[in-house]
Amino acid sequence: MNNIILIGFMGSGKTTIGKILANDLSLEYFDIDEFIEENTKMSIPEIFKKAGESWFRDQESFALSCLTDGSNRLIATGGGIVEREDNLEVLKNGGTVVYLKASPDKLWTRAGKDPNRPLSTDLASFRKLFDRRRSRYEAAADIVIDTGSLSVERTVEAVKKALEELKSTED
């Protein structure tokens, strides 16, 4: 099976949905943030504090290239993966891209003020960041799933159904 790559803003459910979906579809699961933390031996907040966002984005691009250079993988990306133009092409060529979408208010209730999320400090900057990334998520996506009112289980089912529908149109 081709890789499945989950994209979306912080709090959209990429990690939670990704683990369940990988298990259900018998795919190897990778989380780009975990990959970076293992390779750098630092937490994401530490990286932002010690090396800055630009260096983190370099690590993120490297991780994306490494992880999409295989198959039968489910890859949960970080919310900012779409910030770099080069990553958009790697996403498109790396597998089926699923955008887990929700409103900024819903995402804020899920992820806002989390100390492990260095870019979620206040609602105004959270919304501004969301607005900047929204069109990039949409441009990169093969499939868009609105997770705003869905439970985890229903989101997983919606993704599986959308993947099946996409596969049947490609056959």
C-alpha atoms as a PDB file:
ATOM      1  CA  MET A   1       0.000   0.000   0.000  1.00  0.00           C
ATOM      2  CA  ASN A   2       1.005   3.547  -0.690  1.00  0.00           C
ATOM      3  CA  ASN A   3       1.849   5.773   2.277  1.00  0.00           C
ATOM      4  CA  ILE A   4      -0.918   7.705   3.988  1.00  0.00           C
ATOM      5  CA  ILE A   5       0.146  11.116   5.264  1.00  0.00           C
ATOM      6  CA  LEU A   6      -1.983  13.025   7.767  1.00  0.00           C
ATOM      7  CA  ILE A   7      -1.779  16.808   7.737  1.00  0.00           C
ATOM      8  CA  GLY A   8      -3.699  19.437   9.652  1.00  0.00           C
ATOM      9  CA  PHE A   9      -3.409  22.140  12.255  1.00  0.00           C
ATOM     10  CA  MET A  10      -2.422  21.393  15.847  1.00  0.00           C
ATOM     11  CA  GLY A  11      -5.262  19.657  17.650  1.00  0.00           C
ATOM     12  CA  SER A  12      -6.772  18.174  14.478  1.00  0.00           C
ATOM     13  CA  GLY A  13      -6.115  14.620  15.679  1.00  0.00           C
ATOM     14  CA  LYS A  14      -3.207  13.546  13.476  1.00  0.00           C
ATOM     15  CA  THR A  15      -1.447  11.537  16.177  1.00  0.00           C
ATOM     16  CA  THR A  16      -4.548   9.993  17.733  1.00  0.00           C
ATOM     17  CA  ILE A  17      -6.220   9.157  14.413  1.00  0.00           C
ATOM     18  CA  GLY A  18      -2.902   8.086  12.897  1.00  0.00           C
ATOM     19  CA  LYS A  19      -2.147   5.416  15.497  1.00  0.00           C
ATOM     20  CA  ILE A  20      -5.597   3.845  15.198  1.00  0.00           C
ATOM     21  CA  LEU A  21      -5.671   4.050  11.409  1.00  0.00           C
ATOM     22  CA  ALA A  22      -2.188   2.547  11.080  1.00  0.00           C
ATOM     23  CA  ASN A  23      -3.268  -0.368  13.259  1.00  0.00           C
ATOM     24  CA  ASP A  24      -6.551  -0.875  11.366  1.00  0.00           C
ATOM     25  CA  LEU A  25      -4.821  -0.777   7.963  1.00  0.00           C
ATOM     26  CA  SER A  26      -1.700  -2.744   9.038  1.00  0.00           C
ATOM     27  CA  LEU A  27       0.624   0.145   8.253  1.00  0.00           C
ATOM     28  CA  GLU A  28       3.815   1.116  10.042  1.00  0.00           C
ATOM     29  CA  TYR A  29       3.122   4.256  12.111  1.00  0.00           C
ATOM     30  CA  PHE A  30       5.453   7.258  12.232  1.00  0.00           C
ATOM     31  CA  ASP A  31       4.978  10.615  13.923  1.00  0.00           C
ATOM     32  CA  ILE A  32       7.309  13.276  12.515  1.00  0.00           C
ATOM     33  CA  ASP A  33       7.576  15.152  15.836  1.00  0.00           C
ATOM     34  CA  GLU A  34       8.550  11.914  17.630  1.00  0.00           C
ATOM     35  CA  PHE A  35      11.048  11.136  14.858  1.00  0.00           C
ATOM     36  CA  ILE A  36      12.640  14.572  15.342  1.00  0.00           C
ATOM     37  CA  GLU A  37      12.715  14.230  19.136  1.00  0.00           C
ATOM     38  CA  GLU A  38      14.405  10.822  18.873  1.00  0.00           C
ATOM     39  CA  ASN A  39      16.975  12.042  16.340  1.00  0.00           C
ATOM     40  CA  THR A  40      17.830  15.299  18.126  1.00  0.00           C
ATOM     41  CA  LYS A  41      17.440  13.979  21.688  1.00  0.00           C
ATOM     42  CA  MET A  42      15.412  17.130  22.469  1.00  0.00           C
ATOM     43  CA  SER A  43      11.721  17.840  22.950  1.00  0.00           C
ATOM     44  CA  ILE A  44       9.981  20.099  20.430  1.00  0.00           C
ATOM     45  CA  PRO A  45       9.734  22.999  22.960  1.00  0.00           C
ATOM     46  CA  GLU A  46      13.479  22.575  23.704  1.00  0.00           C
ATOM     47  CA  ILE A  47      14.312  22.717  19.997  1.00  0.00           C
ATOM     48  CA  PHE A  48      12.298  25.924  19.548  1.00  0.00           C
ATOM     49  CA  LYS A  49      13.976  27.464  22.603  1.00  0.00           C
ATOM     50  CA  LYS A  50      17.577  26.393  21.885  1.00  0.00           C
ATOM     51  CA  ALA A  51      17.750  26.267  18.081  1.00  0.00           C
ATOM     52  CA  GLY A  52      14.718  28.210  16.843  1.00  0.00           C
ATOM     53  CA  GLU A  53      11.821  27.513  14.540  1.00  0.00           C
ATOM     54  CA  SER A  54      13.890  27.611  11.335  1.00  0.00           C
ATOM     55  CA  TRP A  55      16.187  24.821  12.541  1.00  0.00           C
ATOM     56  CA  PHE A  56      13.135  22.828  13.643  1.00  0.00           C
ATOM     57  CA  ARG A  57      11.627  23.257  10.138  1.00  0.00           C
ATOM     58  CA  ASP A  58      14.908  21.919   8.674  1.00  0.00           C
ATOM     59  CA  GLN A  59      14.572  18.821  10.860  1.00  0.00           C
ATOM     60  CA  GLU A  60      10.916  18.492   9.885  1.00  0.00           C
ATOM     61  CA  SER A  61      11.748  18.595   6.148  1.00  0.00           C
ATOM     62  CA  PHE A  62      14.495  16.014   6.639  1.00  0.00           C
ATOM     63  CA  ALA A  63      12.129  13.721   8.571  1.00  0.00           C
ATOM     64  CA  LEU A  64       9.433  14.032   5.895  1.00  0.00           C
ATOM     65  CA  SER A  65      11.914  13.088   3.163  1.00  0.00           C
ATOM     66  CA  CYS A  66      13.167  10.099   5.158  1.00  0.00           C
ATOM     67  CA  LEU A  67       9.737   8.799   6.090  1.00  0.00           C
ATOM     68  CA  THR A  68       8.136   9.169   2.653  1.00  0.00           C
ATOM     69  CA  ASP A  69      11.044   7.230   1.136  1.00  0.00           C
ATOM     70  CA  GLY A  70       9.279   3.958   1.871  1.00  0.00           C
ATOM     71  CA  SER A  71       5.852   2.385   1.577  1.00  0.00           C
ATOM     72  CA  ASN A  72       3.128   0.911   3.781  1.00  0.00           C
ATOM     73  CA  ARG A  73       3.521   3.747   6.254  1.00  0.00           C
ATOM     74  CA  LEU A  74       1.120   6.048   7.990  1.00  0.00           C
ATOM     75  CA  ILE A  75       2.886   9.340   8.689  1.00  0.00           C
ATOM     76  CA  ALA A  76       1.458  11.894  11.119  1.00  0.00           C
ATOM     77  CA  THR A  77       3.033  15.259  10.337  1.00  0.00           C
ATOM     78  CA  GLY A  78       3.416  18.331  12.479  1.00  0.00           C
ATOM     79  CA  GLY A  79       0.964  21.167  11.887  1.00  0.00           C
ATOM     80  CA  GLY A  80       3.610  23.343  10.241  1.00  0.00           C
ATOM     81  CA  ILE A  81       4.765  20.830   7.633  1.00  0.00           C
ATOM     82  CA  VAL A  82       3.040  22.943   4.957  1.00  0.00           C
ATOM     83  CA  GLU A  83       5.048  26.061   5.863  1.00  0.00           C
ATOM     84  CA  ARG A  84       7.809  25.182   3.399  1.00  0.00           C
ATOM     85  CA  GLU A  85       7.087  25.043  -0.319  1.00  0.00           C
ATOM     86  CA  ASP A  86       9.491  22.112  -0.831  1.00  0.00           C
ATOM     87  CA  ASN A  87       7.503  20.020   1.643  1.00  0.00           C
ATOM     88  CA  LEU A  88       4.327  20.396  -0.428  1.00  0.00           C
ATOM     89  CA  GLU A  89       5.961  18.555  -3.312  1.00  0.00           C
ATOM     90  CA  VAL A  90       7.343  15.846  -1.011  1.00  0.00           C
ATOM     91  CA  LEU A  91       3.865  15.392   0.460  1.00  0.00           C
ATOM     92  CA  LYS A  92       2.256  15.088  -3.000  1.00  0.00           C
ATOM     93  CA  ASN A  93       4.848  12.527  -4.146  1.00  0.00           C
ATOM     94  CA  GLY A  94       5.075  10.711  -0.816  1.00  0.00           C
ATOM     95  CA  GLY A  95       1.617   9.175  -0.564  1.00  0.00           C
ATOM     96  CA  THR A  96      -2.060   9.911  -0.170  1.00  0.00           C
ATOM     97  CA  VAL A  97      -2.409  13.137   1.812  1.00  0.00           C
ATOM     98  CA  VAL A  98      -5.349  13.374   4.218  1.00  0.00           C
ATOM     99  CA  TYR A  99      -6.166  16.785   5.681  1.00  0.00           C
ATOM    100  CA  LEU A 100      -7.872  16.512   9.085  1.00  0.00           C
ATOM    101  CA  LYS A 101      -9.772  19.772   9.185  1.00  0.00           C
ATOM    102  CA  ALA A 102     -11.584  21.596  12.004  1.00  0.00           C
ATOM    103  CA  SER A 103     -12.496  25.172  12.855  1.00  0.00           C
ATOM    104  CA  PRO A 104      -9.926  27.276  14.725  1.00  0.00           C
ATOM    105  CA  ASP A 105     -12.279  27.476  17.736  1.00  0.00           C
ATOM    106  CA  LYS A 106     -12.572  23.682  17.913  1.00  0.00           C
ATOM    107  CA  LEU A 107      -8.813  23.288  17.489  1.00  0.00           C
ATOM    108  CA  TRP A 108      -8.154  25.881  20.212  1.00  0.00           C
ATOM    109  CA  THR A 109     -10.317  23.913  22.668  1.00  0.00           C
ATOM    110  CA  ARG A 110      -8.289  20.787  21.837  1.00  0.00           C
ATOM    111  CA  ALA A 111      -4.772  22.242  21.667  1.00  0.00           C
ATOM    112  CA  GLY A 112      -4.688  25.814  22.930  1.00  0.00           C
ATOM    113  CA  LYS A 113      -2.251  26.746  25.682  1.00  0.00           C
ATOM    114  CA  ASP A 114      -0.590  23.304  25.600  1.00  0.00           C
ATOM    115  CA  PRO A 115       2.969  23.877  26.890  1.00  0.00           C
ATOM    116  CA  ASN A 116       4.246  21.240  24.430  1.00  0.00           C
ATOM    117  CA  ARG A 117       2.978  23.330  21.507  1.00  0.00           C
ATOM    118  CA  PRO A 118       5.326  26.312  21.249  1.00  0.00           C
ATOM    119  CA  LEU A 119       3.181  28.138  18.687  1.00  0.00           C
ATOM    120  CA  SER A 120      -0.110  28.068  20.628  1.00  0.00           C
ATOM    121  CA  THR A 121       0.262  30.940  23.056  1.00  0.00           C
ATOM    122  CA  ASP A 122      -2.951  32.932  22.631  1.00  0.00           C
ATOM    123  CA  LEU A 123      -6.135  32.657  20.595  1.00  0.00           C
ATOM    124  CA  ALA A 124      -5.399  35.629  18.301  1.00  0.00           C
ATOM    125  CA  SER A 125      -1.987  34.324  17.180  1.00  0.00           C
ATOM    126  CA  PHE A 126      -3.435  30.788  16.988  1.00  0.00           C
ATOM    127  CA  ARG A 127      -6.137  32.000  14.556  1.00  0.00           C
ATOM    128  CA  LYS A 128      -3.631  34.010  12.526  1.00  0.00           C
ATOM    129  CA  LEU A 129      -1.388  30.955  12.136  1.00  0.00           C
ATOM    130  CA  PHE A 130      -4.400  28.807  11.219  1.00  0.00           C
ATOM    131  CA  ASP A 131      -5.509  31.319   8.577  1.00  0.00           C
ATOM    132  CA  ARG A 132      -2.009  31.412   7.086  1.00  0.00           C
ATOM    133  CA  ARG A 133      -1.827  27.622   6.771  1.00  0.00           C
ATOM    134  CA  ARG A 134      -5.407  26.746   5.775  1.00  0.00           C
ATOM    135  CA  SER A 135      -5.033  27.155   1.992  1.00  0.00           C
ATOM    136  CA  ARG A 136      -1.746  25.247   2.064  1.00  0.00           C
ATOM    137  CA  TYR A 137      -3.402  22.260   3.767  1.00  0.00           C
ATOM    138  CA  GLU A 138      -6.182  22.329   1.190  1.00  0.00           C
ATOM    139  CA  ALA A 139      -3.707  22.556  -1.713  1.00  0.00           C
ATOM    140  CA  ALA A 140      -1.693  19.580  -0.447  1.00  0.00           C
ATOM    141  CA  ALA A 141      -4.659  17.317   0.338  1.00  0.00           C
ATOM    142  CA  ASP A 142      -5.967  14.414  -1.711  1.00  0.00           C
ATOM    143  CA  ILE A 143      -8.714  13.901   0.883  1.00  0.00           C
ATOM    144  CA  VAL A 144     -10.269  16.391   3.332  1.00  0.00           C
ATOM    145  CA  ILE A 145     -12.072  15.117   6.443  1.00  0.00           C
ATOM    146  CA  ASP A 146     -13.851  17.623   8.683  1.00  0.00           C
ATOM    147  CA  THR A 147     -13.175  16.304  12.199  1.00  0.00           C
ATOM    148  CA  GLY A 148     -14.947  19.167  13.977  1.00  0.00           C
ATOM    149  CA  SER A 149     -18.040  17.240  15.051  1.00  0.00           C
ATOM    150  CA  LEU A 150     -16.765  13.656  14.691  1.00  0.00           C
ATOM    151  CA  SER A 151     -15.613  11.321  17.437  1.00  0.00           C
ATOM    152  CA  VAL A 152     -12.216   9.663  17.021  1.00  0.00           C
ATOM    153  CA  GLU A 153     -13.901   6.427  15.900  1.00  0.00           C
ATOM    154  CA  ARG A 154     -16.108   8.193  13.341  1.00  0.00           C
ATOM    155  CA  THR A 155     -13.128  10.142  12.025  1.00  0.00           C
ATOM    156  CA  VAL A 156     -11.163   6.906  11.527  1.00  0.00           C
ATOM    157  CA  GLU A 157     -14.134   5.388   9.670  1.00  0.00           C
ATOM    158  CA  ALA A 158     -14.528   8.511   7.517  1.00  0.00           C
ATOM    159  CA  VAL A 159     -10.845   8.392   6.538  1.00  0.00           C
ATOM    160  CA  LYS A 160     -11.036   4.676   5.683  1.00  0.00           C
ATOM    161  CA  LYS A 161     -14.156   5.228   3.568  1.00  0.00           C
ATOM    162  CA  ALA A 162     -12.559   8.180   1.736  1.00  0.00           C
ATOM    163  CA  LEU A 163      -9.398   6.127   1.065  1.00  0.00           C
ATOM    164  CA  GLU A 164     -11.515   3.293  -0.385  1.00  0.00           C
ATOM    165  CA  GLU A 165     -13.438   5.742  -2.581  1.00  0.00           C
ATOM    166  CA  LEU A 166     -10.200   7.328  -3.815  1.00  0.00           C
ATOM    167  CA  LYS A 167      -8.705   3.904  -4.552  1.00  0.00           C
ATOM    168  CA  SER A 168     -11.779   2.836  -6.538  1.00  0.00           C
ATOM    169  CA  THR A 169     -11.570   5.950  -8.727  1.00  0.00           C
ATOM    170  CA  GLU A 170      -7.868   5.270  -9.396  1.00  0.00           C
ATOM    171  CA  ASP A 171      -8.390   1.585 -10.378  1.00  0.00           C
END
